[in-house]
Amino acid sequence: MRELLSIVNLTKAFSQFPSIGEKTAERMAYALLEMDQEQVQFLMSSIIDVKENIRHCPNCGALIDTSTCPYCNEERDHSTCIVVPYPKDIMIFEKMDNYHGTYHSLNGELSSIKGITINDLRINELKERIKKEGIKELILATNPTVEGETTALYIAKLFENDDVTITRLAHGIPIGSNIEYSDKLTLLKAIENRTKIK
């Protein structure tokens, strides 16, 4: 059977997305054929818009589309900082609408399997921010997994002699799950019941 090269290439492109298998990617490719030109144009322009207009804040690592970071401004409480594995995790906490501190994205978690070491994480930037911004409490919001726990313990050990309180989200979040799938109430309770590490 002769394959349609354009569909094959588009299927390969779609299958690069997380959780998209070959069959789903192929269905997406064929679905594109059913879209009118306006829908296709909107899809293409949206992809370009994301790549051209979203960048990382050099200070906290959040994803932003503005000239100044909304999470680093002077209106935020700089004495408290939630440390998250990835920039997208910040948005989950922001949806709670009642946390007004700052954030710091590590850009990953320690993982020997994935080859992620301390040098790959934004630890030095966190050290600088503690001194510069006068952060008094770090709330470690790494995932409740082996990698997340290892990362949290490393950070707690690193700052054990510094004048900063280290807390960890309470385990209202199920072990083995990711923060990104937690609902608003679970996150709120996890912050309220955080436990002191140091």
Protein backbone atom coordinates (compact mmCIF):
# COMPACT_ATOMS: atom_id res chain seq x y z
CA MET A 1 0.00 0.00 0.00
CA ARG A 2 1.32 3.41 -0.95
CA GLU A 3 1.47 5.78 2.02
CA LEU A 4 0.75 9.49 1.78
CA LEU A 5 4.09 11.11 2.61
CA SER A 6 2.51 14.32 3.99
CA ILE A 7 0.31 12.30 6.38
CA VAL A 8 3.29 10.16 7.43
CA ASN A 9 5.37 13.27 8.20
CA LEU A 10 2.52 14.98 10.06
CA THR A 11 1.87 11.81 12.08
CA LYS A 12 5.56 11.75 13.08
CA ALA A 13 5.34 15.42 14.07
CA PHE A 14 2.22 14.92 16.23
CA SER A 15 3.66 11.78 17.87
CA GLN A 16 6.42 13.94 19.40
CA PHE A 17 3.86 15.38 21.84
CA PRO A 18 3.70 13.72 25.30
CA SER A 19 1.11 10.94 25.63
CA ILE A 20 0.34 10.95 21.89
CA GLY A 21 0.84 7.50 20.40
CA GLU A 22 1.17 6.70 16.71
CA LYS A 23 -2.55 5.89 16.21
CA THR A 24 -3.71 9.08 17.93
CA ALA A 25 -1.15 11.10 15.96
CA GLU A 26 -2.43 9.56 12.72
CA ARG A 27 -6.06 10.43 13.63
CA MET A 28 -4.95 14.01 14.34
CA ALA A 29 -3.19 14.20 10.96
CA TYR A 30 -6.32 13.02 9.11
CA ALA A 31 -8.50 15.37 11.20
CA LEU A 32 -6.42 18.25 9.89
CA LEU A 33 -7.64 17.42 6.39
CA GLU A 34 -11.22 18.03 7.55
CA MET A 35 -10.43 21.51 8.90
CA ASP A 36 -11.14 24.55 6.77
CA GLN A 37 -8.33 26.95 5.83
CA GLU A 38 -9.22 29.39 8.62
CA GLN A 39 -8.92 26.68 11.31
CA VAL A 40 -5.59 25.50 9.90
CA GLN A 41 -4.30 29.09 9.76
CA PHE A 42 -5.34 29.64 13.39
CA LEU A 43 -3.53 26.45 14.45
CA MET A 44 -0.36 27.45 12.62
CA SER A 45 -0.36 31.02 13.93
CA SER A 46 -0.99 29.79 17.49
CA ILE A 47 2.06 27.50 17.32
CA ILE A 48 4.24 30.31 15.98
CA ASP A 49 2.86 32.71 18.61
CA VAL A 50 3.80 30.33 21.45
CA LYS A 51 7.35 29.88 20.12
CA GLU A 52 7.94 33.59 19.47
CA ASN A 53 6.25 35.24 22.46
CA ILE A 54 6.70 32.95 25.46
CA ARG A 55 10.03 32.98 27.27
CA HIS A 56 11.50 32.14 30.67
CA CYS A 57 11.86 34.81 33.34
CA PRO A 58 15.64 34.95 33.98
CA ASN A 59 14.99 35.42 37.71
CA CYS A 60 12.35 32.84 38.72
CA GLY A 61 12.24 30.68 35.58
CA ALA A 62 8.49 31.12 35.02
CA LEU A 63 7.02 31.15 31.53
CA ILE A 64 5.97 34.70 30.67
CA ASP A 65 4.69 36.64 27.67
CA THR A 66 5.27 40.14 29.08
CA SER A 67 8.33 42.39 29.35
CA THR A 68 8.30 42.12 33.16
CA CYS A 69 7.55 39.01 35.23
CA PRO A 70 4.22 39.15 37.11
CA TYR A 71 5.62 36.76 39.76
CA CYS A 72 8.73 38.78 40.57
CA ASN A 73 7.18 42.24 40.92
CA GLU A 74 7.29 44.30 44.12
CA GLU A 75 3.65 43.57 44.97
CA ARG A 76 4.50 39.93 45.71
CA ASP A 77 5.61 38.77 49.16
CA HIS A 78 9.32 38.07 48.62
CA SER A 79 9.76 36.50 52.06
CA THR A 80 8.09 33.28 50.84
CA CYS A 81 9.04 31.30 47.74
CA ILE A 82 7.46 28.12 46.37
CA VAL A 83 10.08 25.97 44.65
CA VAL A 84 8.57 23.95 41.79
CA PRO A 85 10.11 21.42 39.39
CA TYR A 86 8.86 22.99 36.15
CA PRO A 87 7.62 26.43 35.03
CA LYS A 88 4.15 25.08 34.15
CA ASP A 89 3.67 24.09 37.84
CA ILE A 90 3.55 27.79 38.78
CA MET A 91 0.25 28.22 36.94
CA ILE A 92 -1.35 25.50 39.08
CA PHE A 93 -0.59 27.42 42.28
CA GLU A 94 -1.66 30.72 40.73
CA LYS A 95 -5.13 29.26 40.04
CA MET A 96 -5.66 29.04 43.83
CA ASP A 97 -5.76 32.84 43.82
CA ASN A 98 -4.71 33.22 47.47
CA TYR A 99 -0.94 32.71 47.43
CA HIS A 100 0.93 36.01 46.98
CA GLY A 101 4.54 34.95 47.46
CA THR A 102 7.13 34.26 44.77
CA TYR A 103 8.18 31.14 42.86
CA HIS A 104 11.34 29.46 41.68
CA SER A 105 11.39 26.85 38.92
CA LEU A 106 14.21 24.32 39.14
CA ASN A 107 13.67 23.20 35.55
CA GLY A 108 13.56 19.53 36.57
CA GLU A 109 14.14 17.09 39.42
CA LEU A 110 17.18 14.97 40.24
CA SER A 111 17.00 11.72 38.31
CA SER A 112 19.75 9.18 37.71
CA ILE A 113 17.55 7.44 35.11
CA LYS A 114 17.06 10.62 33.08
CA GLY A 115 20.61 11.79 33.75
CA ILE A 116 19.48 14.98 35.54
CA THR A 117 22.11 16.16 38.03
CA ILE A 118 22.47 19.17 40.33
CA ASN A 119 24.23 21.05 37.53
CA ASP A 120 21.10 20.76 35.38
CA LEU A 121 18.87 22.41 38.01
CA ARG A 122 18.56 26.13 38.77
CA ILE A 123 20.04 25.77 42.28
CA ASN A 124 22.67 28.53 42.00
CA GLU A 125 19.98 30.99 40.91
CA LEU A 126 17.95 30.00 44.00
CA LYS A 127 20.97 30.64 46.26
CA GLU A 128 21.40 34.11 44.78
CA ARG A 129 17.72 34.94 45.19
CA ILE A 130 17.69 33.98 48.88
CA LYS A 131 20.43 36.52 49.54
CA LYS A 132 19.24 39.21 47.15
CA GLU A 133 15.51 39.10 47.91
CA GLY A 134 15.67 38.21 51.59
CA ILE A 135 13.63 35.02 51.23
CA LYS A 136 12.75 33.66 54.68
CA GLU A 137 10.86 30.49 53.71
CA LEU A 138 11.24 28.02 50.87
CA ILE A 139 8.16 25.87 50.30
CA LEU A 140 9.38 22.80 48.44
CA ALA A 141 6.70 21.73 45.97
CA THR A 142 8.57 18.96 44.19
CA ASN A 143 6.52 15.95 43.14
CA PRO A 144 5.85 13.20 45.73
CA THR A 145 8.00 10.73 43.79
CA VAL A 146 11.49 9.30 44.39
CA GLU A 147 12.97 12.06 42.19
CA GLY A 148 10.94 14.78 43.91
CA GLU A 149 11.80 13.57 47.40
CA THR A 150 15.50 13.31 46.51
CA THR A 151 15.46 16.86 45.15
CA ALA A 152 13.67 18.19 48.25
CA LEU A 153 16.10 16.48 50.61
CA TYR A 154 19.08 17.83 48.67
CA ILE A 155 17.75 21.41 48.86
CA ALA A 156 16.96 21.05 52.58
CA LYS A 157 20.51 19.80 53.24
CA LEU A 158 22.04 22.53 51.08
CA PHE A 159 20.38 25.34 53.04
CA GLU A 160 20.40 23.76 56.52
CA ASN A 161 22.91 26.30 57.87
CA ASP A 162 21.30 29.32 56.18
CA ASP A 163 18.81 31.68 57.79
CA VAL A 164 15.87 30.31 55.79
CA THR A 165 13.04 28.02 56.86
CA ILE A 166 12.51 24.99 54.61
CA THR A 167 9.02 23.50 54.44
CA ARG A 168 7.55 20.77 52.27
CA LEU A 169 4.04 20.53 50.88
CA ALA A 170 1.91 18.27 53.05
CA HIS A 171 1.25 14.93 51.47
CA GLY A 172 -2.39 15.66 50.71
CA ILE A 173 -1.11 15.10 47.19
CA PRO A 174 -1.09 11.34 46.54
CA ILE A 175 2.31 9.65 46.39
CA GLY A 176 3.27 8.79 42.83
CA SER A 177 1.13 11.52 41.23
CA ASN A 178 2.20 14.84 39.70
CA ILE A 179 1.35 18.31 40.99
CA GLU A 180 -0.05 19.25 37.60
CA TYR A 181 -2.97 16.82 38.07
CA SER A 182 -3.92 18.04 41.56
CA ASP A 183 -7.14 19.96 42.09
CA LYS A 184 -7.40 23.39 43.73
CA LEU A 185 -8.57 22.14 47.13
CA THR A 186 -5.85 19.47 47.39
CA LEU A 187 -3.18 22.08 46.64
CA LEU A 188 -4.66 24.55 49.11
CA LYS A 189 -4.68 21.94 51.90
CA ALA A 190 -1.16 20.85 50.98
CA ILE A 191 0.11 24.42 51.41
CA GLU A 192 -1.83 24.96 54.66
CA ASN A 193 -0.52 21.71 56.16
CA ARG A 194 3.06 21.93 54.94
CA THR A 195 5.62 20.43 57.28
CA LYS A 196 8.91 21.86 58.45
CA ILE A 197 12.06 20.11 57.23
CA LYS A 198 14.57 22.43 58.91
